[in-house]
Amino acid sequence: MNFLVFLTIAIILSSLLLIVGHFLPSRSLELEKSSPYECGFDPINSARLPFSFRFFLVAILFLIFDLEIALLFPIIPASSNNISVLLPLSSVFLIILAAGLAYEWQQGGLEWAE
């Protein structure tokens, strides 16, 4: 019952936000509005600096593997209850983590220079 109420509220709220967003006026992009704020001074360089795709890839990989390691922490206190279930479960989890790391290493996702 609670899930049905939550699902109904989520659908109504998202539909309402879509309808309101459709009727709101669109923004006009003027030169003054699209320029960066520089305390009244003209900008020296472009505000749109190029971003390294390699850095982005390594940052995303770090977040993914960090999250997976954080998911291993609850296994330690729960291991006293039933080790026959937790040991294979954590082993499979670590094997998947190692396989993902090996795949990224093989694809060159961890290389800074090409």
PDB file of N, CA and C in Angstrom:
ATOM      1  N   MET A   1       0.826  -1.192   0.000  1.00  0.00           N
ATOM      2  CA  MET A   1       0.000   0.000   0.000  1.00  0.00           C
ATOM      3  C   MET A   1       0.870   1.255   0.000  1.00  0.00           C
ATOM      4  N   ASN A   2       1.924   1.261   0.826  1.00  0.00           N
ATOM      5  CA  ASN A   2       2.783   2.435   0.893  1.00  0.00           C
ATOM      6  C   ASN A   2       3.497   2.674  -0.429  1.00  0.00           C
ATOM      7  N   PHE A   3       3.898   1.599  -1.088  1.00  0.00           N
ATOM      8  CA  PHE A   3       4.576   1.745  -2.373  1.00  0.00           C
ATOM      9  C   PHE A   3       3.639   2.336  -3.415  1.00  0.00           C
ATOM     10  N   LEU A   4       2.389   1.923  -3.399  1.00  0.00           N
ATOM     11  CA  LEU A   4       1.410   2.445  -4.346  1.00  0.00           C
ATOM     12  C   LEU A   4       1.171   3.933  -4.126  1.00  0.00           C
ATOM     13  N   VAL A   5       1.097   4.355  -2.878  1.00  0.00           N
ATOM     14  CA  VAL A   5       0.937   5.777  -2.563  1.00  0.00           C
ATOM     15  C   VAL A   5       2.164   6.554  -3.018  1.00  0.00           C
ATOM     16  N   PHE A   6       3.344   6.034  -2.744  1.00  0.00           N
ATOM     17  CA  PHE A   6       4.578   6.698  -3.166  1.00  0.00           C
ATOM     18  C   PHE A   6       4.644   6.813  -4.682  1.00  0.00           C
ATOM     19  N   LEU A   7       4.305   5.741  -5.389  1.00  0.00           N
ATOM     20  CA  LEU A   7       4.339   5.747  -6.850  1.00  0.00           C
ATOM     21  C   LEU A   7       3.338   6.746  -7.420  1.00  0.00           C
ATOM     22  N   THR A   8       2.153   6.818  -6.838  1.00  0.00           N
ATOM     23  CA  THR A   8       1.139   7.766  -7.296  1.00  0.00           C
ATOM     24  C   THR A   8       1.595   9.202  -7.092  1.00  0.00           C
ATOM     25  N   ILE A   9       2.152   9.498  -5.936  1.00  0.00           N
ATOM     26  CA  ILE A   9       2.644  10.849  -5.663  1.00  0.00           C
ATOM     27  C   ILE A   9       3.791  11.202  -6.598  1.00  0.00           C
ATOM     28  N   ALA A  10       4.685  10.264  -6.859  1.00  0.00           N
ATOM     29  CA  ALA A  10       5.814  10.526  -7.753  1.00  0.00           C
ATOM     30  C   ALA A  10       5.339  10.803  -9.172  1.00  0.00           C
ATOM     31  N   ILE A  11       4.369  10.057  -9.654  1.00  0.00           N
ATOM     32  CA  ILE A  11       3.849  10.269 -11.006  1.00  0.00           C
ATOM     33  C   ILE A  11       3.121  11.603 -11.102  1.00  0.00           C
ATOM     34  N   ILE A  12       2.312  11.924 -10.108  1.00  0.00           N
ATOM     35  CA  ILE A  12       1.585  13.196 -10.121  1.00  0.00           C
ATOM     36  C   ILE A  12       2.551  14.373 -10.053  1.00  0.00           C
ATOM     37  N   LEU A  13       3.543  14.286  -9.183  1.00  0.00           N
ATOM     38  CA  LEU A  13       4.503  15.379  -9.036  1.00  0.00           C
ATOM     39  C   LEU A  13       5.337  15.569 -10.297  1.00  0.00           C
ATOM     40  N   SER A  14       5.806  14.486 -10.884  1.00  0.00           N
ATOM     41  CA  SER A  14       6.605  14.624 -12.106  1.00  0.00           C
ATOM     42  C   SER A  14       5.755  15.134 -13.266  1.00  0.00           C
ATOM     43  N   SER A  15       4.519  14.704 -13.368  1.00  0.00           N
ATOM     44  CA  SER A  15       3.632  15.214 -14.417  1.00  0.00           C
ATOM     45  C   SER A  15       3.348  16.692 -14.221  1.00  0.00           C
ATOM     46  N   LEU A  16       3.131  17.095 -12.985  1.00  0.00           N
ATOM     47  CA  LEU A  16       2.882  18.500 -12.682  1.00  0.00           C
ATOM     48  C   LEU A  16       4.089  19.363 -13.038  1.00  0.00           C
ATOM     49  N   LEU A  17       5.280  18.893 -12.716  1.00  0.00           N
ATOM     50  CA  LEU A  17       6.485  19.651 -13.046  1.00  0.00           C
ATOM     51  C   LEU A  17       6.694  19.740 -14.554  1.00  0.00           C
ATOM     52  N   LEU A  18       6.395  18.687 -15.287  1.00  0.00           N
ATOM     53  CA  LEU A  18       6.501  18.733 -16.744  1.00  0.00           C
ATOM     54  C   LEU A  18       5.513  19.727 -17.349  1.00  0.00           C
ATOM     55  N   ILE A  19       4.304  19.751 -16.838  1.00  0.00           N
ATOM     56  CA  ILE A  19       3.294  20.675 -17.357  1.00  0.00           C
ATOM     57  C   ILE A  19       3.671  22.115 -17.041  1.00  0.00           C
ATOM     58  N   VAL A  20       4.106  22.381 -15.820  1.00  0.00           N
ATOM     59  CA  VAL A  20       4.519  23.737 -15.442  1.00  0.00           C
ATOM     60  C   VAL A  20       5.716  24.178 -16.269  1.00  0.00           C
ATOM     61  N   GLY A  21       6.682  23.297 -16.487  1.00  0.00           N
ATOM     62  CA  GLY A  21       7.849  23.633 -17.295  1.00  0.00           C
ATOM     63  C   GLY A  21       7.501  23.908 -18.745  1.00  0.00           C
ATOM     64  N   HIS A  22       6.459  23.273 -19.227  1.00  0.00           N
ATOM     65  CA  HIS A  22       6.045  23.492 -20.615  1.00  0.00           C
ATOM     66  C   HIS A  22       5.422  24.878 -20.796  1.00  0.00           C
ATOM     67  N   PHE A  23       4.693  25.353 -19.799  1.00  0.00           N
ATOM     68  CA  PHE A  23       4.011  26.634 -19.921  1.00  0.00           C
ATOM     69  C   PHE A  23       4.852  27.829 -19.494  1.00  0.00           C
ATOM     70  N   LEU A  24       5.952  27.607 -18.827  1.00  0.00           N
ATOM     71  CA  LEU A  24       6.818  28.731 -18.459  1.00  0.00           C
ATOM     72  C   LEU A  24       7.489  29.284 -19.713  1.00  0.00           C
ATOM     73  N   PRO A  25       7.729  30.591 -19.739  1.00  0.00           N
ATOM     74  CA  PRO A  25       8.365  31.161 -20.937  1.00  0.00           C
ATOM     75  C   PRO A  25       9.814  30.709 -21.061  1.00  0.00           C
ATOM     76  N   SER A  26      10.264  30.592 -22.299  1.00  0.00           N
ATOM     77  CA  SER A  26      11.654  30.197 -22.521  1.00  0.00           C
ATOM     78  C   SER A  26      12.560  31.400 -22.309  1.00  0.00           C
ATOM     79  N   ARG A  27      13.785  31.132 -21.964  1.00  0.00           N
ATOM     80  CA  ARG A  27      14.744  32.206 -21.720  1.00  0.00           C
ATOM     81  C   ARG A  27      15.307  32.702 -23.042  1.00  0.00           C
ATOM     82  N   SER A  28      15.561  33.991 -23.083  1.00  0.00           N
ATOM     83  CA  SER A  28      16.211  34.549 -24.266  1.00  0.00           C
ATOM     84  C   SER A  28      17.704  34.662 -23.980  1.00  0.00           C
ATOM     85  N   LEU A  29      18.506  34.154 -24.881  1.00  0.00           N
ATOM     86  CA  LEU A  29      19.951  34.198 -24.709  1.00  0.00           C
ATOM     87  C   LEU A  29      20.497  35.469 -25.345  1.00  0.00           C
ATOM     88  N   GLU A  30      20.782  36.436 -24.524  1.00  0.00           N
ATOM     89  CA  GLU A  30      21.386  37.667 -24.988  1.00  0.00           C
ATOM     90  C   GLU A  30      22.880  37.606 -24.726  1.00  0.00           C
ATOM     91  N   LEU A  31      23.629  38.464 -25.384  1.00  0.00           N
ATOM     92  CA  LEU A  31      25.074  38.478 -25.216  1.00  0.00           C
ATOM     93  C   LEU A  31      25.447  38.806 -23.775  1.00  0.00           C
ATOM     94  N   GLU A  32      24.712  39.699 -23.169  1.00  0.00           N
ATOM     95  CA  GLU A  32      25.022  40.112 -21.798  1.00  0.00           C
ATOM     96  C   GLU A  32      24.757  38.978 -20.804  1.00  0.00           C
ATOM     97  N   LYS A  33      23.719  38.215 -21.047  1.00  0.00           N
ATOM     98  CA  LYS A  33      23.381  37.131 -20.125  1.00  0.00           C
ATOM     99  C   LYS A  33      24.295  35.928 -20.282  1.00  0.00           C
ATOM    100  N   SER A  34      24.839  35.712 -21.466  1.00  0.00           N
ATOM    101  CA  SER A  34      25.670  34.536 -21.678  1.00  0.00           C
ATOM    102  C   SER A  34      27.138  34.777 -21.355  1.00  0.00           C
ATOM    103  N   SER A  35      27.530  36.009 -21.063  1.00  0.00           N
ATOM    104  CA  SER A  35      28.929  36.279 -20.719  1.00  0.00           C
ATOM    105  C   SER A  35      29.159  35.998 -19.237  1.00  0.00           C
ATOM    106  N   PRO A  36      30.359  35.584 -18.865  1.00  0.00           N
ATOM    107  CA  PRO A  36      30.631  35.284 -17.458  1.00  0.00           C
ATOM    108  C   PRO A  36      30.733  36.561 -16.632  1.00  0.00           C
ATOM    109  N   TYR A  37      30.373  36.448 -15.374  1.00  0.00           N
ATOM    110  CA  TYR A  37      30.462  37.590 -14.468  1.00  0.00           C
ATOM    111  C   TYR A  37      31.899  37.717 -13.983  1.00  0.00           C
ATOM    112  N   GLU A  38      32.501  38.853 -14.249  1.00  0.00           N
ATOM    113  CA  GLU A  38      33.904  39.071 -13.885  1.00  0.00           C
ATOM    114  C   GLU A  38      34.065  40.363 -13.092  1.00  0.00           C
ATOM    115  N   CYS A  39      33.144  40.671 -12.214  1.00  0.00           N
ATOM    116  CA  CYS A  39      33.227  41.854 -11.346  1.00  0.00           C
ATOM    117  C   CYS A  39      33.319  43.149 -12.155  1.00  0.00           C
ATOM    118  N   GLY A  40      32.666  43.202 -13.289  1.00  0.00           N
ATOM    119  CA  GLY A  40      32.668  44.412 -14.084  1.00  0.00           C
ATOM    120  C   GLY A  40      33.795  44.500 -15.083  1.00  0.00           C
ATOM    121  N   PHE A  41      34.781  43.640 -14.994  1.00  0.00           N
ATOM    122  CA  PHE A  41      35.904  43.670 -15.928  1.00  0.00           C
ATOM    123  C   PHE A  41      35.613  42.762 -17.116  1.00  0.00           C
ATOM    124  N   ASP A  42      36.195  43.098 -18.249  1.00  0.00           N
ATOM    125  CA  ASP A  42      36.097  42.221 -19.409  1.00  0.00           C
ATOM    126  C   ASP A  42      36.926  40.971 -19.150  1.00  0.00           C
ATOM    127  N   PRO A  43      36.430  39.803 -19.494  1.00  0.00           N
ATOM    128  CA  PRO A  43      37.207  38.579 -19.250  1.00  0.00           C
ATOM    129  C   PRO A  43      38.462  38.541 -20.113  1.00  0.00           C
ATOM    130  N   ILE A  44      39.554  38.085 -19.505  1.00  0.00           N
ATOM    131  CA  ILE A  44      40.827  37.997 -20.217  1.00  0.00           C
ATOM    132  C   ILE A  44      40.841  36.766 -21.114  1.00  0.00           C
ATOM    133  N   ASN A  45      40.429  35.646 -20.579  1.00  0.00           N
ATOM    134  CA  ASN A  45      40.405  34.384 -21.323  1.00  0.00           C
ATOM    135  C   ASN A  45      38.969  33.910 -21.474  1.00  0.00           C
ATOM    136  N   SER A  46      38.804  32.864 -22.222  1.00  0.00           N
ATOM    137  CA  SER A  46      37.488  32.271 -22.387  1.00  0.00           C
ATOM    138  C   SER A  46      37.063  31.584 -21.094  1.00  0.00           C
ATOM    139  N   ALA A  47      35.795  31.684 -20.777  1.00  0.00           N
ATOM    140  CA  ALA A  47      35.282  31.017 -19.580  1.00  0.00           C
ATOM    141  C   ALA A  47      35.093  29.526 -19.818  1.00  0.00           C
ATOM    142  N   ARG A  48      35.077  29.126 -21.049  1.00  0.00           N
ATOM    143  CA  ARG A  48      34.893  27.723 -21.412  1.00  0.00           C
ATOM    144  C   ARG A  48      36.248  27.080 -21.659  1.00  0.00           C
ATOM    145  N   LEU A  49      36.896  26.657 -20.595  1.00  0.00           N
ATOM    146  CA  LEU A  49      38.192  26.009 -20.720  1.00  0.00           C
ATOM    147  C   LEU A  49      37.997  24.560 -21.152  1.00  0.00           C
ATOM    148  N   PRO A  50      38.878  24.038 -21.976  1.00  0.00           N
ATOM    149  CA  PRO A  50      38.747  22.630 -22.371  1.00  0.00           C
ATOM    150  C   PRO A  50      38.977  21.715 -21.171  1.00  0.00           C
ATOM    151  N   PHE A  51      38.186  20.672 -21.097  1.00  0.00           N
ATOM    152  CA  PHE A  51      38.250  19.742 -19.975  1.00  0.00           C
ATOM    153  C   PHE A  51      38.806  18.419 -20.477  1.00  0.00           C
ATOM    154  N   SER A  52      39.735  17.875 -19.741  1.00  0.00           N
ATOM    155  CA  SER A  52      40.378  16.632 -20.139  1.00  0.00           C
ATOM    156  C   SER A  52      39.408  15.458 -19.977  1.00  0.00           C
ATOM    157  N   PHE A  53      39.179  14.749 -21.068  1.00  0.00           N
ATOM    158  CA  PHE A  53      38.305  13.582 -21.012  1.00  0.00           C
ATOM    159  C   PHE A  53      38.930  12.466 -20.191  1.00  0.00           C
ATOM    160  N   ARG A  54      40.254  12.364 -20.219  1.00  0.00           N
ATOM    161  CA  ARG A  54      40.954  11.342 -19.427  1.00  0.00           C
ATOM    162  C   ARG A  54      40.728  11.581 -17.938  1.00  0.00           C
ATOM    163  N   PHE A  55      40.818  12.845 -17.522  1.00  0.00           N
ATOM    164  CA  PHE A  55      40.582  13.157 -16.115  1.00  0.00           C
ATOM    165  C   PHE A  55      39.149  12.814 -15.728  1.00  0.00           C
ATOM    166  N   PHE A  56      38.205  13.138 -16.592  1.00  0.00           N
ATOM    167  CA  PHE A  56      36.806  12.820 -16.330  1.00  0.00           C
ATOM    168  C   PHE A  56      36.611  11.315 -16.196  1.00  0.00           C
ATOM    169  N   LEU A  57      37.228  10.534 -17.075  1.00  0.00           N
ATOM    170  CA  LEU A  57      37.099   9.082 -17.037  1.00  0.00           C
ATOM    171  C   LEU A  57      37.690   8.501 -15.755  1.00  0.00           C
ATOM    172  N   VAL A  58      38.864   8.984 -15.361  1.00  0.00           N
ATOM    173  CA  VAL A  58      39.484   8.491 -14.130  1.00  0.00           C
ATOM    174  C   VAL A  58      38.647   8.896 -12.917  1.00  0.00           C
ATOM    175  N   ALA A  59      38.073  10.099 -12.935  1.00  0.00           N
ATOM    176  CA  ALA A  59      37.227  10.536 -11.820  1.00  0.00           C
ATOM    177  C   ALA A  59      35.976   9.671 -11.710  1.00  0.00           C
ATOM    178  N   ILE A  60      35.353   9.340 -12.829  1.00  0.00           N
ATOM    179  CA  ILE A  60      34.168   8.479 -12.804  1.00  0.00           C
ATOM    180  C   ILE A  60      34.531   7.074 -12.329  1.00  0.00           C
ATOM    181  N   LEU A  61      35.660   6.556 -12.800  1.00  0.00           N
ATOM    182  CA  LEU A  61      36.103   5.232 -12.345  1.00  0.00           C
ATOM    183  C   LEU A  61      36.373   5.237 -10.847  1.00  0.00           C
ATOM    184  N   PHE A  62      36.979   6.320 -10.353  1.00  0.00           N
ATOM    185  CA  PHE A  62      37.223   6.414  -8.915  1.00  0.00           C
ATOM    186  C   PHE A  62      35.909   6.388  -8.143  1.00  0.00           C
ATOM    187  N   LEU A  63      34.913   7.129  -8.606  1.00  0.00           N
ATOM    188  CA  LEU A  63      33.629   7.142  -7.907  1.00  0.00           C
ATOM    189  C   LEU A  63      32.968   5.769  -7.917  1.00  0.00           C
ATOM    190  N   ILE A  64      33.041   5.079  -9.042  1.00  0.00           N
ATOM    191  CA  ILE A  64      32.420   3.753  -9.134  1.00  0.00           C
ATOM    192  C   ILE A  64      33.105   2.767  -8.191  1.00  0.00           C
ATOM    193  N   PHE A  65      34.444   2.718  -8.237  1.00  0.00           N
ATOM    194  CA  PHE A  65      35.150   1.763  -7.388  1.00  0.00           C
ATOM    195  C   PHE A  65      35.074   2.160  -5.914  1.00  0.00           C
ATOM    196  N   ASP A  66      35.025   3.454  -5.628  1.00  0.00           N
ATOM    197  CA  ASP A  66      34.886   3.901  -4.245  1.00  0.00           C
ATOM    198  C   ASP A  66      33.523   3.501  -3.693  1.00  0.00           C
ATOM    199  N   LEU A  67      32.497   3.612  -4.506  1.00  0.00           N
ATOM    200  CA  LEU A  67      31.166   3.196  -4.081  1.00  0.00           C
ATOM    201  C   LEU A  67      31.112   1.689  -3.849  1.00  0.00           C
ATOM    202  N   GLU A  68      31.770   0.934  -4.703  1.00  0.00           N
ATOM    203  CA  GLU A  68      31.773  -0.518  -4.524  1.00  0.00           C
ATOM    204  C   GLU A  68      32.523  -0.920  -3.259  1.00  0.00           C
ATOM    205  N   ILE A  69      33.611  -0.237  -2.960  1.00  0.00           N
ATOM    206  CA  ILE A  69      34.331  -0.522  -1.717  1.00  0.00           C
ATOM    207  C   ILE A  69      33.477  -0.134  -0.512  1.00  0.00           C
ATOM    208  N   ALA A  70      32.751   0.977  -0.619  1.00  0.00           N
ATOM    209  CA  ALA A  70      31.871   1.384   0.484  1.00  0.00           C
ATOM    210  C   ALA A  70      30.749   0.369   0.700  1.00  0.00           C
ATOM    211  N   LEU A  71      30.343  -0.320  -0.351  1.00  0.00           N
ATOM    212  CA  LEU A  71      29.317  -1.348  -0.198  1.00  0.00           C
ATOM    213  C   LEU A  71      29.854  -2.605   0.486  1.00  0.00           C
ATOM    214  N   LEU A  72      31.170  -2.752   0.535  1.00  0.00           N
ATOM    215  CA  LEU A  72      31.756  -3.902   1.229  1.00  0.00           C
ATOM    216  C   LEU A  72      31.794  -3.708   2.747  1.00  0.00           C
ATOM    217  N   PHE A  73      31.753  -2.470   3.222  1.00  0.00           N
ATOM    218  CA  PHE A  73      31.863  -2.214   4.659  1.00  0.00           C
ATOM    219  C   PHE A  73      30.786  -2.898   5.505  1.00  0.00           C
ATOM    220  N   PRO A  74      29.517  -2.950   5.090  1.00  0.00           N
ATOM    221  CA  PRO A  74      28.523  -3.636   5.926  1.00  0.00           C
ATOM    222  C   PRO A  74      28.738  -5.138   6.037  1.00  0.00           C
ATOM    223  N   ILE A  75      29.569  -5.721   5.192  1.00  0.00           N
ATOM    224  CA  ILE A  75      29.806  -7.163   5.260  1.00  0.00           C
ATOM    225  C   ILE A  75      30.576  -7.520   6.529  1.00  0.00           C
ATOM    226  N   ILE A  76      31.437  -6.637   6.988  1.00  0.00           N
ATOM    227  CA  ILE A  76      32.267  -6.927   8.160  1.00  0.00           C
ATOM    228  C   ILE A  76      31.425  -7.157   9.411  1.00  0.00           C
ATOM    229  N   PRO A  77      30.500  -6.264   9.796  1.00  0.00           N
ATOM    230  CA  PRO A  77      29.693  -6.558  10.992  1.00  0.00           C
ATOM    231  C   PRO A  77      28.716  -7.713  10.790  1.00  0.00           C
ATOM    232  N   ALA A  78      28.274  -7.924   9.562  1.00  0.00           N
ATOM    233  CA  ALA A  78      27.304  -8.987   9.309  1.00  0.00           C
ATOM    234  C   ALA A  78      27.951 -10.353   9.197  1.00  0.00           C
ATOM    235  N   SER A  79      29.277 -10.408   9.162  1.00  0.00           N
ATOM    236  CA  SER A  79      29.944 -11.695   8.964  1.00  0.00           C
ATOM    237  C   SER A  79      29.833 -12.613  10.175  1.00  0.00           C
ATOM    238  N   SER A  80      29.521 -12.074  11.332  1.00  0.00           N
ATOM    239  CA  SER A  80      29.406 -12.931  12.513  1.00  0.00           C
ATOM    240  C   SER A  80      28.115 -13.746  12.501  1.00  0.00           C
ATOM    241  N   ASN A  81      27.128 -13.345  11.715  1.00  0.00           N
ATOM    242  CA  ASN A  81      25.842 -14.044  11.704  1.00  0.00           C
ATOM    243  C   ASN A  81      25.880 -15.335  10.891  1.00  0.00           C
ATOM    244  N   ASN A  82      26.260 -15.253   9.634  1.00  0.00           N
ATOM    245  CA  ASN A  82      26.210 -16.425   8.770  1.00  0.00           C
ATOM    246  C   ASN A  82      27.341 -16.335   7.753  1.00  0.00           C
ATOM    247  N   ILE A  83      28.478 -16.870   8.105  1.00  0.00           N
ATOM    248  CA  ILE A  83      29.661 -16.755   7.244  1.00  0.00           C
ATOM    249  C   ILE A  83      29.551 -17.616   6.002  1.00  0.00           C
ATOM    250  N   SER A  84      28.735 -18.662   6.028  1.00  0.00           N
ATOM    251  CA  SER A  84      28.618 -19.540   4.862  1.00  0.00           C
ATOM    252  C   SER A  84      27.910 -18.847   3.696  1.00  0.00           C
ATOM    253  N   VAL A  85      27.122 -17.830   3.969  1.00  0.00           N
ATOM    254  CA  VAL A  85      26.463 -17.070   2.909  1.00  0.00           C
ATOM    255  C   VAL A  85      27.290 -15.847   2.540  1.00  0.00           C
ATOM    256  N   LEU A  86      27.881 -15.206   3.532  1.00  0.00           N
ATOM    257  CA  LEU A  86      28.584 -13.952   3.284  1.00  0.00           C
ATOM    258  C   LEU A  86      29.915 -14.142   2.570  1.00  0.00           C
ATOM    259  N   LEU A  87      30.603 -15.232   2.807  1.00  0.00           N
ATOM    260  CA  LEU A  87      31.896 -15.446   2.153  1.00  0.00           C
ATOM    261  C   LEU A  87      31.753 -15.607   0.636  1.00  0.00           C
ATOM    262  N   PRO A  88      30.856 -16.450   0.135  1.00  0.00           N
ATOM    263  CA  PRO A  88      30.695 -16.511  -1.328  1.00  0.00           C
ATOM    264  C   PRO A  88      30.152 -15.207  -1.920  1.00  0.00           C
ATOM    265  N   LEU A  89      29.262 -14.546  -1.197  1.00  0.00           N
ATOM    266  CA  LEU A  89      28.700 -13.293  -1.686  1.00  0.00           C
ATOM    267  C   LEU A  89      29.771 -12.221  -1.822  1.00  0.00           C
ATOM    268  N   SER A  90      30.599 -12.074  -0.808  1.00  0.00           N
ATOM    269  CA  SER A  90      31.666 -11.074  -0.878  1.00  0.00           C
ATOM    270  C   SER A  90      32.738 -11.481  -1.884  1.00  0.00           C
ATOM    271  N   SER A  91      32.965 -12.772  -2.046  1.00  0.00           N
ATOM    272  CA  SER A  91      33.941 -13.229  -3.046  1.00  0.00           C
ATOM    273  C   SER A  91      33.475 -12.900  -4.461  1.00  0.00           C
ATOM    274  N   VAL A  92      32.206 -13.139  -4.748  1.00  0.00           N
ATOM    275  CA  VAL A  92      31.659 -12.800  -6.066  1.00  0.00           C
ATOM    276  C   VAL A  92      31.727 -11.294  -6.293  1.00  0.00           C
ATOM    277  N   PHE A  93      31.424 -10.525  -5.258  1.00  0.00           N
ATOM    278  CA  PHE A  93      31.474  -9.067  -5.358  1.00  0.00           C
ATOM    279  C   PHE A  93      32.889  -8.598  -5.674  1.00  0.00           C
ATOM    280  N   LEU A  94      33.882  -9.159  -4.999  1.00  0.00           N
ATOM    281  CA  LEU A  94      35.273  -8.771  -5.246  1.00  0.00           C
ATOM    282  C   LEU A  94      35.763  -9.251  -6.612  1.00  0.00           C
ATOM    283  N   ILE A  95      35.287 -10.397  -7.072  1.00  0.00           N
ATOM    284  CA  ILE A  95      35.667 -10.877  -8.408  1.00  0.00           C
ATOM    285  C   ILE A  95      35.106  -9.950  -9.485  1.00  0.00           C
ATOM    286  N   ILE A  96      33.865  -9.512  -9.322  1.00  0.00           N
ATOM    287  CA  ILE A  96      33.282  -8.562 -10.276  1.00  0.00           C
ATOM    288  C   ILE A  96      34.043  -7.243 -10.249  1.00  0.00           C
ATOM    289  N   LEU A  97      34.431  -6.791  -9.066  1.00  0.00           N
ATOM    290  CA  LEU A  97      35.214  -5.560  -8.935  1.00  0.00           C
ATOM    291  C   LEU A  97      36.565  -5.703  -9.623  1.00  0.00           C
ATOM    292  N   ALA A  98      37.239  -6.826  -9.427  1.00  0.00           N
ATOM    293  CA  ALA A  98      38.542  -7.056 -10.063  1.00  0.00           C
ATOM    294  C   ALA A  98      38.399  -7.203 -11.575  1.00  0.00           C
ATOM    295  N   ALA A  99      37.328  -7.840 -12.031  1.00  0.00           N
ATOM    296  CA  ALA A  99      37.106  -7.975 -13.474  1.00  0.00           C
ATOM    297  C   ALA A  99      36.857  -6.613 -14.117  1.00  0.00           C
ATOM    298  N   GLY A 100      36.123  -5.746 -13.446  1.00  0.00           N
ATOM    299  CA  GLY A 100      35.900  -4.396 -13.962  1.00  0.00           C
ATOM    300  C   GLY A 100      37.180  -3.595 -14.023  1.00  0.00           C
ATOM    301  N   LEU A 101      38.015  -3.734 -13.007  1.00  0.00           N
ATOM    302  CA  LEU A 101      39.302  -3.042 -13.005  1.00  0.00           C
ATOM    303  C   LEU A 101      40.204  -3.568 -14.116  1.00  0.00           C
ATOM    304  N   ALA A 102      40.238  -4.883 -14.309  1.00  0.00           N
ATOM    305  CA  ALA A 102      41.056  -5.464 -15.377  1.00  0.00           C
ATOM    306  C   ALA A 102      40.559  -5.026 -16.753  1.00  0.00           C
ATOM    307  N   TYR A 103      39.251  -4.944 -16.922  1.00  0.00           N
ATOM    308  CA  TYR A 103      38.693  -4.501 -18.202  1.00  0.00           C
ATOM    309  C   TYR A 103      39.070  -3.049 -18.494  1.00  0.00           C
ATOM    310  N   GLU A 104      38.958  -2.176 -17.495  1.00  0.00           N
ATOM    311  CA  GLU A 104      39.331  -0.772 -17.697  1.00  0.00           C
ATOM    312  C   GLU A 104      40.822  -0.635 -17.964  1.00  0.00           C
ATOM    313  N   TRP A 105      41.616  -1.445 -17.314  1.00  0.00           N
ATOM    314  CA  TRP A 105      43.064  -1.417 -17.535  1.00  0.00           C
ATOM    315  C   TRP A 105      43.388  -1.871 -18.963  1.00  0.00           C
ATOM    316  N   GLN A 106      42.705  -2.932 -19.420  1.00  0.00           N
ATOM    317  CA  GLN A 106      42.926  -3.451 -20.766  1.00  0.00           C
ATOM    318  C   GLN A 106      42.485  -2.441 -21.828  1.00  0.00           C
ATOM    319  N   GLN A 107      41.396  -1.743 -21.592  1.00  0.00           N
ATOM    320  CA  GLN A 107      40.888  -0.770 -22.556  1.00  0.00           C
ATOM    321  C   GLN A 107      41.684   0.532 -22.560  1.00  0.00           C
ATOM    322  N   GLY A 108      42.592   0.697 -21.593  1.00  0.00           N
ATOM    323  CA  GLY A 108      43.413   1.905 -21.536  1.00  0.00           C
ATOM    324  C   GLY A 108      42.748   3.052 -20.812  1.00  0.00           C
ATOM    325  N   GLY A 109      41.752   2.771 -20.016  1.00  0.00           N
ATOM    326  CA  GLY A 109      41.063   3.824 -19.285  1.00  0.00           C
ATOM    327  C   GLY A 109      41.867   4.402 -18.143  1.00  0.00           C
ATOM    328  N   LEU A 110      42.924   3.716 -17.735  1.00  0.00           N
ATOM    329  CA  LEU A 110      43.742   4.196 -16.622  1.00  0.00           C
ATOM    330  C   LEU A 110      45.022   4.865 -17.095  1.00  0.00           C
ATOM    331  N   GLU A 111      45.192   5.016 -18.392  1.00  0.00           N
ATOM    332  CA  GLU A 111      46.399   5.635 -18.950  1.00  0.00           C
ATOM    333  C   GLU A 111      46.197   7.144 -19.046  1.00  0.00           C
ATOM    334  N   TRP A 112      47.175   7.911 -18.589  1.00  0.00           N
ATOM    335  CA  TRP A 112      47.094   9.368 -18.720  1.00  0.00           C
ATOM    336  C   TRP A 112      47.534   9.813 -20.099  1.00  0.00           C
ATOM    337  N   ALA A 113      48.602   9.229 -20.614  1.00  0.00           N
ATOM    338  CA  ALA A 113      49.126   9.627 -21.922  1.00  0.00           C
ATOM    339  C   ALA A 113      48.906   8.495 -22.914  1.00  0.00           C
ATOM    340  N   GLU A 114      48.705   8.871 -24.156  1.00  0.00           N
ATOM    341  CA  GLU A 114      48.483   7.843 -25.181  1.00  0.00           C
ATOM    342  C   GLU A 114      49.730   7.618 -25.986  1.00  0.00           C
TER     343      GLU A 114
END
